[in-house]
Amino acid sequence: MQMLNGANDMLFCGGNCEGIVDGPDSVSPSLFPKAHIFESQLQPETGHGINLHFNAREGFNVVNDFLAEHLHDRHTIVHNNNY
């Protein structure tokens, strides 16, 4: 599970997501307790509509890197009937 959130997301965390989405006191893992893999990422200078920001490409790269790293894990889980 990857959570990509705009650092300045007004809807999700009032415009300052630092420490809410990432860091040791993050609420994110408690939102997804069954996730075997969890990673959170704050997209700098970005609000709620990540796709609409000028730096959206960097966010897409983060997602693609996560998928490239962990997609094989899902394949293994599904084929071992542990999913």
N, C-alpha and C. Protein backbone atom coordinates (compact mmCIF):
# COMPACT_ATOMS: atom_id res chain seq x y z
N MET A 1 0.85 -1.15 0.00
CA MET A 1 0.00 0.00 0.00
C MET A 1 0.90 1.22 0.00
N GLN A 2 0.65 2.09 -0.92
CA GLN A 2 1.37 3.36 -0.94
C GLN A 2 0.36 4.49 -0.82
N MET A 3 0.67 5.43 0.03
CA MET A 3 -0.17 6.60 0.20
C MET A 3 0.62 7.80 -0.28
N LEU A 4 0.20 8.36 -1.40
CA LEU A 4 0.83 9.56 -1.95
C LEU A 4 -0.13 10.71 -1.69
N ASN A 5 0.35 11.71 -1.00
CA ASN A 5 -0.51 12.81 -0.62
C ASN A 5 0.20 14.13 -0.87
N GLY A 6 -0.55 15.12 -1.28
CA GLY A 6 0.01 16.46 -1.44
C GLY A 6 0.39 17.02 -0.07
N ALA A 7 1.55 17.62 0.02
CA ALA A 7 2.02 18.17 1.29
C ALA A 7 1.12 19.29 1.80
N ASN A 8 0.43 19.95 0.90
CA ASN A 8 -0.45 21.07 1.27
C ASN A 8 -1.92 20.75 1.03
N ASP A 9 -2.29 19.51 1.21
CA ASP A 9 -3.66 19.06 0.97
C ASP A 9 -4.60 19.67 2.01
N MET A 10 -5.44 20.59 1.58
CA MET A 10 -6.35 21.28 2.48
C MET A 10 -7.48 20.36 2.95
N LEU A 11 -7.97 19.50 2.08
CA LEU A 11 -9.10 18.63 2.44
C LEU A 11 -8.70 17.54 3.43
N PHE A 12 -7.54 16.94 3.23
CA PHE A 12 -7.14 15.80 4.04
C PHE A 12 -6.53 16.20 5.38
N CYS A 13 -5.70 17.24 5.38
CA CYS A 13 -4.99 17.57 6.62
C CYS A 13 -4.86 19.07 6.86
N GLY A 14 -5.80 19.85 6.37
CA GLY A 14 -5.84 21.26 6.69
C GLY A 14 -4.73 22.10 6.09
N GLY A 15 -4.06 21.61 5.07
CA GLY A 15 -3.03 22.37 4.38
C GLY A 15 -1.60 22.12 4.82
N ASN A 16 -1.42 21.34 5.89
CA ASN A 16 -0.07 20.99 6.34
C ASN A 16 -0.06 19.51 6.74
N CYS A 17 0.37 18.66 5.82
CA CYS A 17 0.33 17.21 6.04
C CYS A 17 1.60 16.66 6.67
N GLU A 18 2.56 17.51 6.95
CA GLU A 18 3.81 17.07 7.55
C GLU A 18 3.54 16.42 8.90
N GLY A 19 3.96 15.17 9.07
CA GLY A 19 3.77 14.45 10.32
C GLY A 19 2.44 13.72 10.42
N ILE A 20 1.46 14.13 9.63
CA ILE A 20 0.16 13.45 9.64
C ILE A 20 0.19 12.24 8.71
N VAL A 21 0.76 12.43 7.54
CA VAL A 21 0.84 11.37 6.53
C VAL A 21 2.14 10.59 6.65
N ASP A 22 3.21 11.24 7.07
CA ASP A 22 4.50 10.58 7.18
C ASP A 22 5.08 10.81 8.57
N GLY A 23 6.16 10.15 8.87
CA GLY A 23 6.83 10.34 10.15
C GLY A 23 6.37 9.36 11.22
N PRO A 24 7.02 9.40 12.39
CA PRO A 24 6.76 8.42 13.44
C PRO A 24 5.36 8.52 14.06
N ASP A 25 4.74 9.68 14.02
CA ASP A 25 3.41 9.86 14.62
C ASP A 25 2.30 9.85 13.58
N SER A 26 2.59 9.33 12.41
CA SER A 26 1.64 9.31 11.31
C SER A 26 0.40 8.47 11.63
N VAL A 27 -0.74 8.95 11.18
CA VAL A 27 -1.99 8.18 11.33
C VAL A 27 -2.17 7.20 10.18
N SER A 28 -1.36 7.32 9.15
CA SER A 28 -1.56 6.54 7.92
C SER A 28 -1.59 5.02 8.13
N PRO A 29 -0.63 4.41 8.83
CA PRO A 29 -0.67 2.95 8.98
C PRO A 29 -1.94 2.47 9.69
N SER A 30 -2.49 3.26 10.59
CA SER A 30 -3.71 2.84 11.28
C SER A 30 -4.92 2.87 10.37
N LEU A 31 -4.84 3.62 9.27
CA LEU A 31 -5.94 3.66 8.30
C LEU A 31 -5.98 2.38 7.46
N PHE A 32 -4.85 1.70 7.34
CA PHE A 32 -4.75 0.50 6.51
C PHE A 32 -4.07 -0.62 7.30
N PRO A 33 -4.71 -1.12 8.34
CA PRO A 33 -4.04 -2.08 9.23
C PRO A 33 -3.70 -3.42 8.59
N LYS A 34 -4.35 -3.80 7.51
CA LYS A 34 -4.07 -5.09 6.88
C LYS A 34 -3.01 -5.02 5.79
N ALA A 35 -2.48 -3.84 5.56
CA ALA A 35 -1.45 -3.68 4.53
C ALA A 35 -0.15 -4.33 5.00
N HIS A 36 0.37 -5.25 4.21
CA HIS A 36 1.63 -5.91 4.55
C HIS A 36 2.81 -5.00 4.26
N ILE A 37 2.65 -4.20 3.24
CA ILE A 37 3.67 -3.21 2.86
C ILE A 37 3.01 -1.85 2.92
N PHE A 38 3.62 -0.92 3.62
CA PHE A 38 3.05 0.42 3.69
C PHE A 38 4.16 1.45 3.50
N GLU A 39 3.88 2.40 2.65
CA GLU A 39 4.81 3.49 2.40
C GLU A 39 4.00 4.76 2.21
N SER A 40 4.43 5.83 2.84
CA SER A 40 3.76 7.11 2.63
C SER A 40 4.74 8.10 2.01
N GLN A 41 4.21 8.96 1.21
CA GLN A 41 5.04 9.93 0.50
C GLN A 41 4.28 11.25 0.42
N LEU A 42 4.93 12.33 0.79
CA LEU A 42 4.36 13.66 0.63
C LEU A 42 4.91 14.28 -0.65
N GLN A 43 4.01 14.73 -1.49
CA GLN A 43 4.41 15.41 -2.72
C GLN A 43 4.55 16.90 -2.40
N PRO A 44 5.76 17.46 -2.48
CA PRO A 44 5.97 18.86 -2.11
C PRO A 44 5.22 19.83 -3.02
N GLU A 45 4.83 20.95 -2.43
CA GLU A 45 4.16 22.04 -3.15
C GLU A 45 2.94 21.55 -3.92
N THR A 46 2.19 20.66 -3.31
CA THR A 46 1.03 20.05 -3.96
C THR A 46 -0.13 19.98 -2.99
N GLY A 47 -1.31 20.23 -3.50
CA GLY A 47 -2.52 20.14 -2.70
C GLY A 47 -3.25 18.84 -2.96
N HIS A 48 -4.59 18.90 -2.88
CA HIS A 48 -5.41 17.70 -2.99
C HIS A 48 -5.41 17.11 -4.41
N GLY A 49 -5.45 17.95 -5.42
CA GLY A 49 -5.50 17.49 -6.81
C GLY A 49 -4.11 17.28 -7.38
N ILE A 50 -3.45 16.21 -6.97
CA ILE A 50 -2.06 15.96 -7.37
C ILE A 50 -1.91 15.99 -8.89
N ASN A 51 -2.85 15.41 -9.61
CA ASN A 51 -2.76 15.35 -11.08
C ASN A 51 -2.77 16.72 -11.73
N LEU A 52 -3.25 17.72 -11.05
CA LEU A 52 -3.39 19.06 -11.63
C LEU A 52 -2.19 19.97 -11.37
N HIS A 53 -1.23 19.53 -10.59
CA HIS A 53 -0.09 20.36 -10.23
C HIS A 53 1.04 20.22 -11.24
N PHE A 54 1.85 21.26 -11.32
CA PHE A 54 2.97 21.27 -12.27
C PHE A 54 3.98 20.16 -11.99
N ASN A 55 4.09 19.72 -10.75
CA ASN A 55 5.05 18.67 -10.41
C ASN A 55 4.38 17.29 -10.31
N ALA A 56 3.26 17.11 -10.99
CA ALA A 56 2.56 15.82 -10.98
C ALA A 56 3.44 14.69 -11.49
N ARG A 57 4.28 14.98 -12.45
CA ARG A 57 5.15 13.94 -13.02
C ARG A 57 6.03 13.30 -11.95
N GLU A 58 6.54 14.10 -11.01
CA GLU A 58 7.36 13.54 -9.94
C GLU A 58 6.54 12.60 -9.08
N GLY A 59 5.29 12.95 -8.82
CA GLY A 59 4.41 12.07 -8.06
C GLY A 59 4.15 10.76 -8.80
N PHE A 60 3.94 10.85 -10.10
CA PHE A 60 3.73 9.65 -10.91
C PHE A 60 4.97 8.76 -10.88
N ASN A 61 6.14 9.38 -10.90
CA ASN A 61 7.39 8.61 -10.82
C ASN A 61 7.49 7.85 -9.51
N VAL A 62 7.06 8.49 -8.41
CA VAL A 62 7.08 7.84 -7.10
C VAL A 62 6.18 6.60 -7.12
N VAL A 63 4.98 6.75 -7.70
CA VAL A 63 4.04 5.63 -7.79
C VAL A 63 4.61 4.52 -8.67
N ASN A 64 5.16 4.88 -9.81
CA ASN A 64 5.73 3.87 -10.71
C ASN A 64 6.90 3.13 -10.07
N ASP A 65 7.73 3.85 -9.33
CA ASP A 65 8.85 3.20 -8.63
C ASP A 65 8.34 2.21 -7.58
N PHE A 66 7.30 2.61 -6.85
CA PHE A 66 6.72 1.72 -5.84
C PHE A 66 6.16 0.46 -6.50
N LEU A 67 5.44 0.62 -7.59
CA LEU A 67 4.87 -0.53 -8.29
C LEU A 67 5.97 -1.45 -8.84
N ALA A 68 7.01 -0.85 -9.39
CA ALA A 68 8.11 -1.67 -9.93
C ALA A 68 8.78 -2.48 -8.82
N GLU A 69 8.87 -1.90 -7.64
CA GLU A 69 9.52 -2.58 -6.53
C GLU A 69 8.64 -3.67 -5.91
N HIS A 70 7.33 -3.43 -5.85
CA HIS A 70 6.46 -4.32 -5.07
C HIS A 70 5.47 -5.15 -5.89
N LEU A 71 5.38 -4.92 -7.16
CA LEU A 71 4.40 -5.65 -7.96
C LEU A 71 4.67 -7.15 -7.95
N HIS A 72 5.94 -7.53 -7.96
CA HIS A 72 6.27 -8.96 -7.92
C HIS A 72 5.78 -9.60 -6.62
N ASP A 73 5.72 -8.81 -5.52
CA ASP A 73 5.22 -9.35 -4.25
C ASP A 73 3.76 -9.76 -4.37
N ARG A 74 2.97 -8.96 -5.04
CA ARG A 74 1.55 -9.29 -5.22
C ARG A 74 1.41 -10.55 -6.07
N HIS A 75 2.21 -10.66 -7.09
CA HIS A 75 2.18 -11.85 -7.95
C HIS A 75 2.48 -13.09 -7.12
N THR A 76 3.47 -13.00 -6.26
CA THR A 76 3.84 -14.14 -5.42
C THR A 76 2.72 -14.45 -4.44
N ILE A 77 2.14 -13.44 -3.83
CA ILE A 77 1.08 -13.64 -2.85
C ILE A 77 -0.12 -14.32 -3.51
N VAL A 78 -0.52 -13.83 -4.68
CA VAL A 78 -1.69 -14.39 -5.36
C VAL A 78 -1.43 -15.84 -5.74
N HIS A 79 -0.26 -16.15 -6.23
CA HIS A 79 0.02 -17.51 -6.67
C HIS A 79 0.28 -18.48 -5.52
N ASN A 80 0.53 -17.97 -4.33
CA ASN A 80 0.68 -18.84 -3.17
C ASN A 80 -0.63 -18.99 -2.41
N ASN A 81 -1.70 -18.41 -2.93
CA ASN A 81 -3.03 -18.48 -2.30
C ASN A 81 -3.06 -17.92 -0.90
N ASN A 82 -2.18 -16.98 -0.61
CA ASN A 82 -2.17 -16.32 0.70
C ASN A 82 -2.86 -14.96 0.63
N TYR A 83 -3.44 -14.64 -0.45
CA TYR A 83 -4.01 -13.31 -0.61
C TYR A 83 -5.40 -13.25 -0.03
